[in-house]
Amino acid sequence: MEIATLSSKGQITIPISVRKRLKLKSGDKIVIQEENGRFYFDNAAYVAFARVAEAFEGAAEQAGFQSEEEMQEYMQDIRKEVRGY
């Protein structure tokens, strides 16, 4: 268990051991979630990435791609088309 101190401005300093586990650095955003009366902190970038990955789960198969390589080739073709070369 780690303990943080609340400042008069409502700020807390997250202990270094917690920052390392959450892979946080200065300027990073933190998501605070409440569940059953308990609050949880998480790295906002990782939460956003996980939500996007979940939202796109299975989208490549639905679009008809058979492999990751096939999808990457398609994306490269689009980039060439957009850039004009």
PDB file of N, CA and C in Angstrom:
ATOM      1  N   MET A   1       0.840  -1.166   0.000  1.00  0.00           N
ATOM      2  CA  MET A   1       0.000   0.000   0.000  1.00  0.00           C
ATOM      3  C   MET A   1       0.894   1.241   0.000  1.00  0.00           C
ATOM      4  N   GLU A   2       0.483   2.229  -0.780  1.00  0.00           N
ATOM      5  CA  GLU A   2       1.194   3.494  -0.837  1.00  0.00           C
ATOM      6  C   GLU A   2       0.304   4.596  -0.281  1.00  0.00           C
ATOM      7  N   ILE A   3       0.918   5.632   0.256  1.00  0.00           N
ATOM      8  CA  ILE A   3       0.170   6.755   0.817  1.00  0.00           C
ATOM      9  C   ILE A   3       0.607   8.034   0.116  1.00  0.00           C
ATOM     10  N   ALA A   4      -0.385   8.841  -0.276  1.00  0.00           N
ATOM     11  CA  ALA A   4      -0.128  10.138  -0.893  1.00  0.00           C
ATOM     12  C   ALA A   4      -0.733  11.213   0.002  1.00  0.00           C
ATOM     13  N   THR A   5      -0.154  12.407  -0.057  1.00  0.00           N
ATOM     14  CA  THR A   5      -0.637  13.514   0.759  1.00  0.00           C
ATOM     15  C   THR A   5      -1.379  14.510  -0.126  1.00  0.00           C
ATOM     16  N   LEU A   6      -2.521  14.975   0.351  1.00  0.00           N
ATOM     17  CA  LEU A   6      -3.322  15.952  -0.362  1.00  0.00           C
ATOM     18  C   LEU A   6      -2.880  17.352   0.028  1.00  0.00           C
ATOM     19  N   SER A   7      -2.599  18.200  -0.979  1.00  0.00           N
ATOM     20  CA  SER A   7      -2.191  19.583  -0.697  1.00  0.00           C
ATOM     21  C   SER A   7      -3.423  20.454  -0.471  1.00  0.00           C
ATOM     22  N   SER A   8      -3.214  21.683  -0.036  1.00  0.00           N
ATOM     23  CA  SER A   8      -4.328  22.609   0.184  1.00  0.00           C
ATOM     24  C   SER A   8      -5.042  22.949  -1.120  1.00  0.00           C
ATOM     25  N   LYS A   9      -4.387  22.733  -2.257  1.00  0.00           N
ATOM     26  CA  LYS A   9      -4.988  22.989  -3.569  1.00  0.00           C
ATOM     27  C   LYS A   9      -5.689  21.745  -4.132  1.00  0.00           C
ATOM     28  N   GLY A  10      -5.735  20.669  -3.359  1.00  0.00           N
ATOM     29  CA  GLY A  10      -6.392  19.452  -3.817  1.00  0.00           C
ATOM     30  C   GLY A  10      -5.503  18.579  -4.684  1.00  0.00           C
ATOM     31  N   GLN A  11      -4.205  18.838  -4.695  1.00  0.00           N
ATOM     32  CA  GLN A  11      -3.265  18.066  -5.507  1.00  0.00           C
ATOM     33  C   GLN A  11      -2.642  16.960  -4.674  1.00  0.00           C
ATOM     34  N   ILE A  12      -2.324  15.863  -5.362  1.00  0.00           N
ATOM     35  CA  ILE A  12      -1.600  14.788  -4.685  1.00  0.00           C
ATOM     36  C   ILE A  12      -0.331  14.489  -5.479  1.00  0.00           C
ATOM     37  N   THR A  13       0.665  14.003  -4.777  1.00  0.00           N
ATOM     38  CA  THR A  13       1.873  13.514  -5.427  1.00  0.00           C
ATOM     39  C   THR A  13       1.779  11.993  -5.420  1.00  0.00           C
ATOM     40  N   ILE A  14       1.816  11.426  -6.618  1.00  0.00           N
ATOM     41  CA  ILE A  14       1.732   9.970  -6.732  1.00  0.00           C
ATOM     42  C   ILE A  14       3.117   9.404  -6.430  1.00  0.00           C
ATOM     43  N   PRO A  15       3.210   8.479  -5.504  1.00  0.00           N
ATOM     44  CA  PRO A  15       4.517   7.904  -5.153  1.00  0.00           C
ATOM     45  C   PRO A  15       5.215   7.315  -6.384  1.00  0.00           C
ATOM     46  N   ILE A  16       6.522   7.412  -6.406  1.00  0.00           N
ATOM     47  CA  ILE A  16       7.310   6.974  -7.564  1.00  0.00           C
ATOM     48  C   ILE A  16       7.067   5.516  -7.913  1.00  0.00           C
ATOM     49  N   SER A  17       6.880   4.663  -6.914  1.00  0.00           N
ATOM     50  CA  SER A  17       6.649   3.240  -7.199  1.00  0.00           C
ATOM     51  C   SER A  17       5.348   3.055  -7.985  1.00  0.00           C
ATOM     52  N   VAL A  18       4.344   3.862  -7.681  1.00  0.00           N
ATOM     53  CA  VAL A  18       3.066   3.795  -8.398  1.00  0.00           C
ATOM     54  C   VAL A  18       3.227   4.372  -9.798  1.00  0.00           C
ATOM     55  N   ARG A  19       3.939   5.508  -9.918  1.00  0.00           N
ATOM     56  CA  ARG A  19       4.179   6.114 -11.245  1.00  0.00           C
ATOM     57  C   ARG A  19       4.902   5.143 -12.156  1.00  0.00           C
ATOM     58  N   LYS A  20       5.855   4.410 -11.625  1.00  0.00           N
ATOM     59  CA  LYS A  20       6.587   3.437 -12.448  1.00  0.00           C
ATOM     60  C   LYS A  20       5.675   2.313 -12.908  1.00  0.00           C
ATOM     61  N   ARG A  21       4.840   1.818 -12.012  1.00  0.00           N
ATOM     62  CA  ARG A  21       3.939   0.712 -12.379  1.00  0.00           C
ATOM     63  C   ARG A  21       2.911   1.147 -13.417  1.00  0.00           C
ATOM     64  N   LEU A  22       2.484   2.420 -13.347  1.00  0.00           N
ATOM     65  CA  LEU A  22       1.526   2.943 -14.321  1.00  0.00           C
ATOM     66  C   LEU A  22       2.209   3.529 -15.553  1.00  0.00           C
ATOM     67  N   LYS A  23       3.549   3.514 -15.549  1.00  0.00           N
ATOM     68  CA  LYS A  23       4.343   4.073 -16.650  1.00  0.00           C
ATOM     69  C   LYS A  23       3.971   5.532 -16.904  1.00  0.00           C
ATOM     70  N   LEU A  24       3.896   6.299 -15.816  1.00  0.00           N
ATOM     71  CA  LEU A  24       3.558   7.714 -15.890  1.00  0.00           C
ATOM     72  C   LEU A  24       4.806   8.574 -15.870  1.00  0.00           C
ATOM     73  N   LYS A  25       4.750   9.657 -16.622  1.00  0.00           N
ATOM     74  CA  LYS A  25       5.822  10.650 -16.561  1.00  0.00           C
ATOM     75  C   LYS A  25       5.180  12.023 -16.452  1.00  0.00           C
ATOM     76  N   SER A  26       5.963  13.026 -16.190  1.00  0.00           N
ATOM     77  CA  SER A  26       5.467  14.379 -16.012  1.00  0.00           C
ATOM     78  C   SER A  26       4.610  14.806 -17.201  1.00  0.00           C
ATOM     79  N   GLY A  27       3.444  15.345 -16.930  1.00  0.00           N
ATOM     80  CA  GLY A  27       2.552  15.814 -17.978  1.00  0.00           C
ATOM     81  C   GLY A  27       1.535  14.797 -18.451  1.00  0.00           C
ATOM     82  N   ASP A  28       1.691  13.531 -18.080  1.00  0.00           N
ATOM     83  CA  ASP A  28       0.734  12.499 -18.488  1.00  0.00           C
ATOM     84  C   ASP A  28      -0.620  12.745 -17.830  1.00  0.00           C
ATOM     85  N   LYS A  29      -1.661  12.290 -18.500  1.00  0.00           N
ATOM     86  CA  LYS A  29      -3.020  12.372 -17.970  1.00  0.00           C
ATOM     87  C   LYS A  29      -3.341  11.062 -17.250  1.00  0.00           C
ATOM     88  N   ILE A  30      -4.181  11.185 -16.237  1.00  0.00           N
ATOM     89  CA  ILE A  30      -4.582  10.032 -15.434  1.00  0.00           C
ATOM     90  C   ILE A  30      -6.097   9.916 -15.473  1.00  0.00           C
ATOM     91  N   VAL A  31      -6.588   8.715 -15.656  1.00  0.00           N
ATOM     92  CA  VAL A  31      -8.015   8.435 -15.576  1.00  0.00           C
ATOM     93  C   VAL A  31      -8.311   7.984 -14.152  1.00  0.00           C
ATOM     94  N   ILE A  32      -9.339   8.582 -13.553  1.00  0.00           N
ATOM     95  CA  ILE A  32      -9.773   8.174 -12.219  1.00  0.00           C
ATOM     96  C   ILE A  32     -11.170   7.605 -12.384  1.00  0.00           C
ATOM     97  N   GLN A  33     -11.317   6.335 -12.034  1.00  0.00           N
ATOM     98  CA  GLN A  33     -12.603   5.657 -12.180  1.00  0.00           C
ATOM     99  C   GLN A  33     -13.098   5.205 -10.813  1.00  0.00           C
ATOM    100  N   GLU A  34     -14.413   5.267 -10.648  1.00  0.00           N
ATOM    101  CA  GLU A  34     -15.010   4.826  -9.399  1.00  0.00           C
ATOM    102  C   GLU A  34     -15.809   3.565  -9.666  1.00  0.00           C
ATOM    103  N   GLU A  35     -15.627   2.596  -8.816  1.00  0.00           N
ATOM    104  CA  GLU A  35     -16.352   1.331  -8.933  1.00  0.00           C
ATOM    105  C   GLU A  35     -16.670   0.821  -7.535  1.00  0.00           C
ATOM    106  N   ASN A  36     -17.931   0.685  -7.245  1.00  0.00           N
ATOM    107  CA  ASN A  36     -18.380   0.197  -5.936  1.00  0.00           C
ATOM    108  C   ASN A  36     -17.778   0.990  -4.779  1.00  0.00           C
ATOM    109  N   GLY A  37     -17.720   2.298  -4.942  1.00  0.00           N
ATOM    110  CA  GLY A  37     -17.212   3.155  -3.867  1.00  0.00           C
ATOM    111  C   GLY A  37     -15.708   3.232  -3.759  1.00  0.00           C
ATOM    112  N   ARG A  38     -14.987   2.567  -4.649  1.00  0.00           N
ATOM    113  CA  ARG A  38     -13.522   2.612  -4.656  1.00  0.00           C
ATOM    114  C   ARG A  38     -13.063   3.369  -5.892  1.00  0.00           C
ATOM    115  N   PHE A  39     -11.965   4.078  -5.769  1.00  0.00           N
ATOM    116  CA  PHE A  39     -11.426   4.849  -6.884  1.00  0.00           C
ATOM    117  C   PHE A  39     -10.162   4.189  -7.400  1.00  0.00           C
ATOM    118  N   TYR A  40     -10.036   4.171  -8.725  1.00  0.00           N
ATOM    119  CA  TYR A  40      -8.893   3.543  -9.380  1.00  0.00           C
ATOM    120  C   TYR A  40      -8.229   4.546 -10.311  1.00  0.00           C
ATOM    121  N   PHE A  41      -6.913   4.582 -10.302  1.00  0.00           N
ATOM    122  CA  PHE A  41      -6.125   5.439 -11.174  1.00  0.00           C
ATOM    123  C   PHE A  41      -5.545   4.596 -12.292  1.00  0.00           C
ATOM    124  N   ASP A  42      -5.465   5.183 -13.484  1.00  0.00           N
ATOM    125  CA  ASP A  42      -4.814   4.494 -14.592  1.00  0.00           C
ATOM    126  C   ASP A  42      -4.244   5.526 -15.547  1.00  0.00           C
ATOM    127  N   ASN A  43      -3.275   5.104 -16.318  1.00  0.00           N
ATOM    128  CA  ASN A  43      -2.665   5.954 -17.334  1.00  0.00           C
ATOM    129  C   ASN A  43      -3.692   6.165 -18.448  1.00  0.00           C
ATOM    130  N   ALA A  44      -4.078   7.414 -18.704  1.00  0.00           N
ATOM    131  CA  ALA A  44      -5.131   7.718 -19.677  1.00  0.00           C
ATOM    132  C   ALA A  44      -4.764   7.237 -21.079  1.00  0.00           C
ATOM    133  N   ALA A  45      -3.501   7.321 -21.463  1.00  0.00           N
ATOM    134  CA  ALA A  45      -3.094   6.880 -22.798  1.00  0.00           C
ATOM    135  C   ALA A  45      -3.320   5.381 -22.976  1.00  0.00           C
ATOM    136  N   TYR A  46      -3.012   4.607 -21.950  1.00  0.00           N
ATOM    137  CA  TYR A  46      -3.215   3.164 -22.041  1.00  0.00           C
ATOM    138  C   TYR A  46      -4.699   2.803 -22.062  1.00  0.00           C
ATOM    139  N   VAL A  47      -5.493   3.539 -21.302  1.00  0.00           N
ATOM    140  CA  VAL A  47      -6.941   3.294 -21.292  1.00  0.00           C
ATOM    141  C   VAL A  47      -7.517   3.607 -22.669  1.00  0.00           C
ATOM    142  N   ALA A  48      -7.111   4.737 -23.258  1.00  0.00           N
ATOM    143  CA  ALA A  48      -7.609   5.120 -24.585  1.00  0.00           C
ATOM    144  C   ALA A  48      -7.204   4.082 -25.630  1.00  0.00           C
ATOM    145  N   PHE A  49      -5.956   3.647 -25.589  1.00  0.00           N
ATOM    146  CA  PHE A  49      -5.484   2.654 -26.552  1.00  0.00           C
ATOM    147  C   PHE A  49      -6.264   1.345 -26.414  1.00  0.00           C
ATOM    148  N   ALA A  50      -6.500   0.919 -25.198  1.00  0.00           N
ATOM    149  CA  ALA A  50      -7.241  -0.324 -24.966  1.00  0.00           C
ATOM    150  C   ALA A  50      -8.668  -0.221 -25.494  1.00  0.00           C
ATOM    151  N   ARG A  51      -9.287   0.951 -25.315  1.00  0.00           N
ATOM    152  CA  ARG A  51     -10.656   1.134 -25.818  1.00  0.00           C
ATOM    153  C   ARG A  51     -10.694   1.116 -27.337  1.00  0.00           C
ATOM    154  N   VAL A  52      -9.722   1.746 -27.976  1.00  0.00           N
ATOM    155  CA  VAL A  52      -9.668   1.746 -29.441  1.00  0.00           C
ATOM    156  C   VAL A  52      -9.434   0.326 -29.953  1.00  0.00           C
ATOM    157  N   ALA A  53      -8.497  -0.382 -29.339  1.00  0.00           N
ATOM    158  CA  ALA A  53      -8.214  -1.763 -29.750  1.00  0.00           C
ATOM    159  C   ALA A  53      -9.460  -2.630 -29.611  1.00  0.00           C
ATOM    160  N   GLU A  54     -10.189  -2.446 -28.532  1.00  0.00           N
ATOM    161  CA  GLU A  54     -11.420  -3.214 -28.313  1.00  0.00           C
ATOM    162  C   GLU A  54     -12.480  -2.866 -29.362  1.00  0.00           C
ATOM    163  N   ALA A  55     -12.587  -1.582 -29.693  1.00  0.00           N
ATOM    164  CA  ALA A  55     -13.581  -1.139 -30.669  1.00  0.00           C
ATOM    165  C   ALA A  55     -13.303  -1.704 -32.064  1.00  0.00           C
ATOM    166  N   PHE A  56     -12.012  -1.869 -32.394  1.00  0.00           N
ATOM    167  CA  PHE A  56     -11.640  -2.360 -33.716  1.00  0.00           C
ATOM    168  C   PHE A  56     -11.459  -3.877 -33.770  1.00  0.00           C
ATOM    169  N   GLU A  57     -11.689  -4.537 -32.662  1.00  0.00           N
ATOM    170  CA  GLU A  57     -11.544  -5.995 -32.614  1.00  0.00           C
ATOM    171  C   GLU A  57     -12.393  -6.640 -33.705  1.00  0.00           C
ATOM    172  N   GLY A  58     -11.760  -7.382 -34.585  1.00  0.00           N
ATOM    173  CA  GLY A  58     -12.470  -8.097 -35.636  1.00  0.00           C
ATOM    174  C   GLY A  58     -12.795  -7.270 -36.875  1.00  0.00           C
ATOM    175  N   ALA A  59     -12.487  -5.971 -36.869  1.00  0.00           N
ATOM    176  CA  ALA A  59     -12.831  -5.104 -37.997  1.00  0.00           C
ATOM    177  C   ALA A  59     -12.092  -5.511 -39.275  1.00  0.00           C
ATOM    178  N   ALA A  60     -10.841  -5.934 -39.164  1.00  0.00           N
ATOM    179  CA  ALA A  60     -10.078  -6.336 -40.349  1.00  0.00           C
ATOM    180  C   ALA A  60     -10.700  -7.561 -41.010  1.00  0.00           C
ATOM    181  N   GLU A  61     -11.115  -8.513 -40.203  1.00  0.00           N
ATOM    182  CA  GLU A  61     -11.766  -9.710 -40.754  1.00  0.00           C
ATOM    183  C   GLU A  61     -13.086  -9.342 -41.426  1.00  0.00           C
ATOM    184  N   GLN A  62     -13.849  -8.458 -40.797  1.00  0.00           N
ATOM    185  CA  GLN A  62     -15.123  -8.035 -41.372  1.00  0.00           C
ATOM    186  C   GLN A  62     -14.907  -7.310 -42.703  1.00  0.00           C
ATOM    187  N   ALA A  63     -13.769  -6.617 -42.841  1.00  0.00           N
ATOM    188  CA  ALA A  63     -13.463  -5.896 -44.078  1.00  0.00           C
ATOM    189  C   ALA A  63     -12.928  -6.838 -45.159  1.00  0.00           C
ATOM    190  N   GLY A  64     -12.667  -8.095 -44.796  1.00  0.00           N
ATOM    191  CA  GLY A  64     -12.243  -9.086 -45.776  1.00  0.00           C
ATOM    192  C   GLY A  64     -10.746  -9.331 -45.851  1.00  0.00           C
ATOM    193  N   PHE A  65      -9.977  -8.754 -44.936  1.00  0.00           N
ATOM    194  CA  PHE A  65      -8.532  -8.989 -44.937  1.00  0.00           C
ATOM    195  C   PHE A  65      -8.242 -10.372 -44.366  1.00  0.00           C
ATOM    196  N   GLN A  66      -7.335 -11.071 -45.021  1.00  0.00           N
ATOM    197  CA  GLN A  66      -6.987 -12.427 -44.600  1.00  0.00           C
ATOM    198  C   GLN A  66      -5.759 -12.462 -43.696  1.00  0.00           C
ATOM    199  N   SER A  67      -4.942 -11.400 -43.753  1.00  0.00           N
ATOM    200  CA  SER A  67      -3.728 -11.369 -42.935  1.00  0.00           C
ATOM    201  C   SER A  67      -3.372  -9.924 -42.612  1.00  0.00           C
ATOM    202  N   GLU A  68      -2.510  -9.771 -41.631  1.00  0.00           N
ATOM    203  CA  GLU A  68      -2.040  -8.439 -41.265  1.00  0.00           C
ATOM    204  C   GLU A  68      -1.239  -7.828 -42.408  1.00  0.00           C
ATOM    205  N   GLU A  69      -0.461  -8.659 -43.111  1.00  0.00           N
ATOM    206  CA  GLU A  69       0.340  -8.174 -44.232  1.00  0.00           C
ATOM    207  C   GLU A  69      -0.556  -7.604 -45.333  1.00  0.00           C
ATOM    208  N   GLU A  70      -1.658  -8.282 -45.611  1.00  0.00           N
ATOM    209  CA  GLU A  70      -2.603  -7.819 -46.627  1.00  0.00           C
ATOM    210  C   GLU A  70      -3.186  -6.449 -46.235  1.00  0.00           C
ATOM    211  N   MET A  71      -3.498  -6.284 -44.975  1.00  0.00           N
ATOM    212  CA  MET A  71      -4.034  -5.027 -44.494  1.00  0.00           C
ATOM    213  C   MET A  71      -2.989  -3.917 -44.596  1.00  0.00           C
ATOM    214  N   GLN A  72      -1.745  -4.217 -44.242  1.00  0.00           N
ATOM    215  CA  GLN A  72      -0.674  -3.229 -44.313  1.00  0.00           C
ATOM    216  C   GLN A  72      -0.404  -2.802 -45.750  1.00  0.00           C
ATOM    217  N   GLU A  73      -0.441  -3.740 -46.686  1.00  0.00           N
ATOM    218  CA  GLU A  73      -0.267  -3.404 -48.095  1.00  0.00           C
ATOM    219  C   GLU A  73      -1.374  -2.462 -48.558  1.00  0.00           C
ATOM    220  N   TYR A  74      -2.593  -2.740 -48.151  1.00  0.00           N
ATOM    221  CA  TYR A  74      -3.730  -1.896 -48.496  1.00  0.00           C
ATOM    222  C   TYR A  74      -3.521  -0.479 -47.956  1.00  0.00           C
ATOM    223  N   MET A  75      -3.071  -0.370 -46.723  1.00  0.00           N
ATOM    224  CA  MET A  75      -2.826   0.936 -46.105  1.00  0.00           C
ATOM    225  C   MET A  75      -1.709   1.677 -46.827  1.00  0.00           C
ATOM    226  N   GLN A  76      -0.665   0.970 -47.246  1.00  0.00           N
ATOM    227  CA  GLN A  76       0.422   1.599 -48.000  1.00  0.00           C
ATOM    228  C   GLN A  76      -0.094   2.135 -49.334  1.00  0.00           C
ATOM    229  N   ASP A  77      -0.969   1.386 -50.004  1.00  0.00           N
ATOM    230  CA  ASP A  77      -1.555   1.838 -51.263  1.00  0.00           C
ATOM    231  C   ASP A  77      -2.366   3.117 -51.057  1.00  0.00           C
ATOM    232  N   ILE A  78      -3.111   3.174 -49.975  1.00  0.00           N
ATOM    233  CA  ILE A  78      -3.905   4.370 -49.678  1.00  0.00           C
ATOM    234  C   ILE A  78      -2.980   5.566 -49.427  1.00  0.00           C
ATOM    235  N   ARG A  79      -1.915   5.339 -48.665  1.00  0.00           N
ATOM    236  CA  ARG A  79      -0.970   6.432 -48.389  1.00  0.00           C
ATOM    237  C   ARG A  79      -0.365   6.958 -49.684  1.00  0.00           C
ATOM    238  N   LYS A  80       0.013   6.055 -50.598  1.00  0.00           N
ATOM    239  CA  LYS A  80       0.579   6.460 -51.883  1.00  0.00           C
ATOM    240  C   LYS A  80      -0.446   7.296 -52.678  1.00  0.00           C
ATOM    241  N   GLU A  81      -1.679   6.851 -52.666  1.00  0.00           N
ATOM    242  CA  GLU A  81      -2.740   7.554 -53.381  1.00  0.00           C
ATOM    243  C   GLU A  81      -2.959   8.956 -52.812  1.00  0.00           C
ATOM    244  N   VAL A  82      -2.984   9.059 -51.488  1.00  0.00           N
ATOM    245  CA  VAL A  82      -3.211  10.349 -50.831  1.00  0.00           C
ATOM    246  C   VAL A  82      -2.046  11.293 -51.085  1.00  0.00           C
ATOM    247  N   ARG A  83      -0.841  10.771 -51.018  1.00  0.00           N
ATOM    248  CA  ARG A  83       0.361  11.600 -51.207  1.00  0.00           C
ATOM    249  C   ARG A  83       0.633  11.909 -52.681  1.00  0.00           C
ATOM    250  N   GLY A  84       0.057  11.128 -53.571  1.00  0.00           N
ATOM    251  CA  GLY A  84       0.226  11.375 -54.996  1.00  0.00           C
ATOM    252  C   GLY A  84       1.476  10.772 -55.600  1.00  0.00           C
ATOM    253  N   TYR A  85       2.082   9.807 -54.921  1.00  0.00           N
ATOM    254  CA  TYR A  85       3.244   9.108 -55.485  1.00  0.00           C
ATOM    255  C   TYR A  85       3.329   7.685 -55.004  1.00  0.00           C
TER     256      TYR A  85
END
